[in-house]
Amino acid sequence: MTVEQVADSAVYRPPAVLRPFVERYVGYRNTGYEAGVHLGMPGRHLTVVISFDAPLTLAMQPDGGSATDHLSMISGLHDRAVEIRHNGNQHGIQLDVTPAGARALFGAPAQALVSTAVDIADTWSGRTAAELYERTAVATSWTDRFAVLDELLVRALSAHVPYPSSARIA
C-alpha cells in the first residue's frame, strides 16, 4: 500500500510591533515520507518550534546533550547542526526569533539560551505555554494559527521589558 505524500507550508511575517523580535513564522505539514533525521542548521535566529501531532525529538541537543522530546521549545543560537528525528511526518510551526526577541518575548537574554533547547514552559508560565500549544493545535488554518501567535506574542511583549535591539550582550 502506498501512502500519499503531503507537503504543505505557509510563511507569514508578523505585525510591525513584533518584527524587531520575530522575523517570520513558518507553518509546515509533511506526511507520508520516509523516517529520518532533519538537520536544524545554525543561523542568525533563535528557533521556536510548536510541534503538532507528536513531540519534536532532538536527537542531539545543540550543546551535545542526549535526546529530548518537546511539544513546544526554544533553541538558542548554536554553532553546529541539531539533529531532529522524525517518523516521516512533521507538522508544526517554526518561529525565527531575533536575539533581541529572546529577552523581549521570553524574559531571558539570548546568551542564556546559547547552545541549548528548552521547553517554552521553562521560559513562560505553564498556563501561557499550554495556551500557546492548545490554541495553535486546534486552529483550523495557518492564518488562524498565525493570528494566535500574533496575539500571544504581543501579550508576552507587553509582559517583559523590551531589550533594546541596539544593545550588546557582553
Protein backbone atom coordinates (compact mmCIF):
# COMPACT_ATOMS: atom_id res chain seq x y z
CA MET A 1 0.00 0.00 0.00
CA THR A 2 1.39 3.38 -1.00
CA VAL A 3 0.92 6.27 1.39
CA GLU A 4 0.24 9.62 -0.21
CA GLN A 5 2.87 12.21 0.50
CA VAL A 6 1.64 15.61 1.63
CA ALA A 7 3.82 18.73 1.76
CA ASP A 8 2.05 21.87 2.93
CA SER A 9 3.65 25.05 4.18
CA ALA A 10 2.93 28.72 4.79
CA VAL A 11 5.22 31.63 5.60
CA TYR A 12 4.00 34.69 7.47
CA ARG A 13 5.60 37.95 8.53
CA PRO A 14 4.35 39.11 11.95
CA PRO A 15 2.90 42.59 12.54
CA ALA A 16 5.23 45.60 12.79
CA VAL A 17 5.25 45.63 16.61
CA LEU A 18 6.79 42.12 16.62
CA ARG A 19 9.22 42.47 13.69
CA PRO A 20 12.22 43.59 15.78
CA PHE A 21 11.77 40.33 17.72
CA VAL A 22 10.41 37.73 15.26
CA GLU A 23 11.36 37.71 11.59
CA ARG A 24 8.82 35.15 10.41
CA TYR A 25 6.60 32.19 11.18
CA VAL A 26 6.77 29.07 9.01
CA GLY A 27 3.96 26.55 9.19
CA TYR A 28 4.68 23.08 7.83
CA ARG A 29 2.98 19.72 7.41
CA ASN A 30 4.83 16.86 5.75
CA THR A 31 3.30 13.38 5.90
CA GLY A 32 3.93 10.06 4.22
CA TYR A 33 7.69 10.42 3.91
CA GLU A 34 10.42 8.00 4.93
CA ALA A 35 11.51 8.27 8.57
CA GLY A 36 14.81 10.02 9.06
CA VAL A 37 16.73 12.91 10.52
CA HIS A 38 16.23 16.57 9.71
CA LEU A 39 19.19 18.86 10.36
CA GLY A 40 18.49 22.19 12.06
CA MET A 41 21.37 24.29 10.80
CA PRO A 42 22.99 27.14 12.73
CA GLY A 43 21.71 30.55 11.80
CA ARG A 44 21.23 34.09 13.00
CA HIS A 45 17.97 33.39 14.83
CA LEU A 46 16.83 31.53 17.87
CA THR A 47 14.29 28.92 16.82
CA VAL A 48 10.92 28.34 18.43
CA VAL A 49 9.05 25.21 17.34
CA ILE A 50 5.50 24.21 18.16
CA SER A 51 5.05 20.59 17.12
CA PHE A 52 1.58 19.21 16.39
CA ASP A 53 0.60 15.52 16.30
CA ALA A 54 3.80 14.28 18.01
CA PRO A 55 6.61 15.75 20.09
CA LEU A 56 9.69 17.08 18.34
CA THR A 57 12.60 14.77 19.14
CA LEU A 58 16.01 16.42 19.23
CA ALA A 59 18.43 13.54 18.74
CA MET A 60 21.31 15.82 19.62
CA GLN A 61 20.89 18.94 21.70
CA PRO A 62 22.81 21.94 20.39
CA ASP A 63 25.09 21.54 23.42
CA GLY A 64 25.74 17.86 22.64
CA GLY A 65 23.34 16.52 25.31
CA SER A 66 21.10 13.49 24.98
CA ALA A 67 17.82 13.26 23.04
CA THR A 68 14.81 15.18 24.35
CA ASP A 69 11.17 15.50 23.29
CA HIS A 70 9.27 18.79 23.10
CA LEU A 71 5.79 19.88 22.05
CA SER A 72 6.93 23.50 22.12
CA MET A 73 10.52 24.62 22.55
CA ILE A 74 13.02 27.39 22.03
CA SER A 75 16.52 26.66 20.77
CA GLY A 76 19.23 29.25 21.20
CA LEU A 77 21.95 30.24 18.80
CA HIS A 78 24.34 27.36 18.15
CA ASP A 79 27.41 26.62 16.05
CA ARG A 80 26.58 23.11 14.83
CA ALA A 81 23.60 21.31 13.35
CA VAL A 82 20.88 19.92 15.59
CA GLU A 83 19.53 16.51 14.62
CA ILE A 84 15.75 16.20 14.68
CA ARG A 85 14.40 12.64 14.40
CA HIS A 86 11.09 12.10 12.64
CA ASN A 87 8.93 9.15 11.64
CA GLY A 88 8.24 10.55 8.17
CA ASN A 89 5.64 13.00 9.43
CA GLN A 90 6.38 16.53 10.62
CA HIS A 91 3.69 19.06 11.48
CA GLY A 92 4.18 22.34 13.30
CA ILE A 93 5.22 25.96 13.24
CA GLN A 94 8.73 27.40 13.42
CA LEU A 95 9.40 30.98 14.51
CA ASP A 96 12.65 32.75 13.67
CA VAL A 97 13.31 34.85 16.79
CA THR A 98 15.95 37.60 16.84
CA PRO A 99 18.44 37.79 19.72
CA ALA A 100 16.56 40.87 21.00
CA GLY A 101 13.37 38.78 20.91
CA ALA A 102 14.75 36.32 23.45
CA ARG A 103 14.54 38.87 26.26
CA ALA A 104 11.58 40.84 24.93
CA LEU A 105 9.35 37.79 24.45
CA PHE A 106 10.77 35.11 26.73
CA GLY A 107 12.38 37.16 29.50
CA ALA A 108 15.89 35.76 29.01
CA PRO A 109 18.90 37.22 27.24
CA ALA A 110 19.89 35.35 24.07
CA GLN A 111 23.18 34.47 25.78
CA ALA A 112 21.30 32.37 28.36
CA LEU A 113 19.92 30.18 25.56
CA VAL A 114 23.12 29.66 23.55
CA SER A 115 23.64 26.03 22.50
CA THR A 116 20.60 24.71 24.31
CA ALA A 117 16.96 23.88 23.73
CA VAL A 118 14.29 24.25 26.42
CA ASP A 119 10.55 23.85 26.64
CA ILE A 120 8.58 27.06 26.24
CA ALA A 121 7.13 26.30 29.69
CA ASP A 122 10.64 26.87 31.10
CA THR A 123 10.55 30.48 29.90
CA TRP A 124 6.81 31.31 30.01
CA SER A 125 4.38 30.44 32.77
CA GLY A 126 2.96 26.96 32.41
CA ARG A 127 -0.52 28.32 31.64
CA THR A 128 0.70 30.64 28.86
CA ALA A 129 2.82 27.87 27.33
CA ALA A 130 -0.15 25.49 27.46
CA GLU A 131 -2.38 28.15 25.86
CA LEU A 132 0.16 28.60 23.06
CA TYR A 133 0.15 24.91 22.27
CA GLU A 134 -3.56 24.28 22.73
CA ARG A 135 -4.80 27.24 20.71
CA THR A 136 -2.41 26.75 17.79
CA ALA A 137 -3.03 22.98 17.71
CA VAL A 138 -6.82 23.32 17.44
CA ALA A 139 -6.80 26.19 14.93
CA THR A 140 -8.01 25.03 11.53
CA SER A 141 -5.78 27.06 9.20
CA TRP A 142 -2.31 28.58 9.05
CA THR A 143 -3.92 32.03 9.07
CA ASP A 144 -5.75 31.23 12.31
CA ARG A 145 -2.60 29.76 13.91
CA PHE A 146 -0.55 32.80 12.94
CA ALA A 147 -3.24 35.08 14.43
CA VAL A 148 -2.97 33.17 17.73
CA LEU A 149 0.81 33.62 17.66
CA ASP A 150 0.43 37.35 16.99
CA GLU A 151 -1.92 37.71 19.97
CA LEU A 152 0.17 35.68 22.42
CA LEU A 153 3.50 37.22 21.38
CA VAL A 154 2.15 40.77 21.65
CA ARG A 155 0.88 39.83 25.12
CA ALA A 156 4.31 38.42 26.01
CA LEU A 157 5.97 41.57 24.68
CA SER A 158 3.87 43.73 27.00
CA ALA A 159 4.78 41.48 29.96
CA HIS A 160 8.57 41.89 29.56
CA VAL A 161 10.74 44.95 29.42
CA PRO A 162 11.93 45.06 25.80
CA TYR A 163 15.65 44.58 25.32
CA PRO A 164 16.95 47.39 23.09
CA SER A 165 17.98 45.95 19.72
CA SER A 166 20.98 48.32 19.68
CA ALA A 167 22.37 46.95 22.96
CA ARG A 168 25.07 44.27 23.00
CA ILE A 169 25.43 41.39 25.42
CA ALA A 170 28.92 41.25 26.86
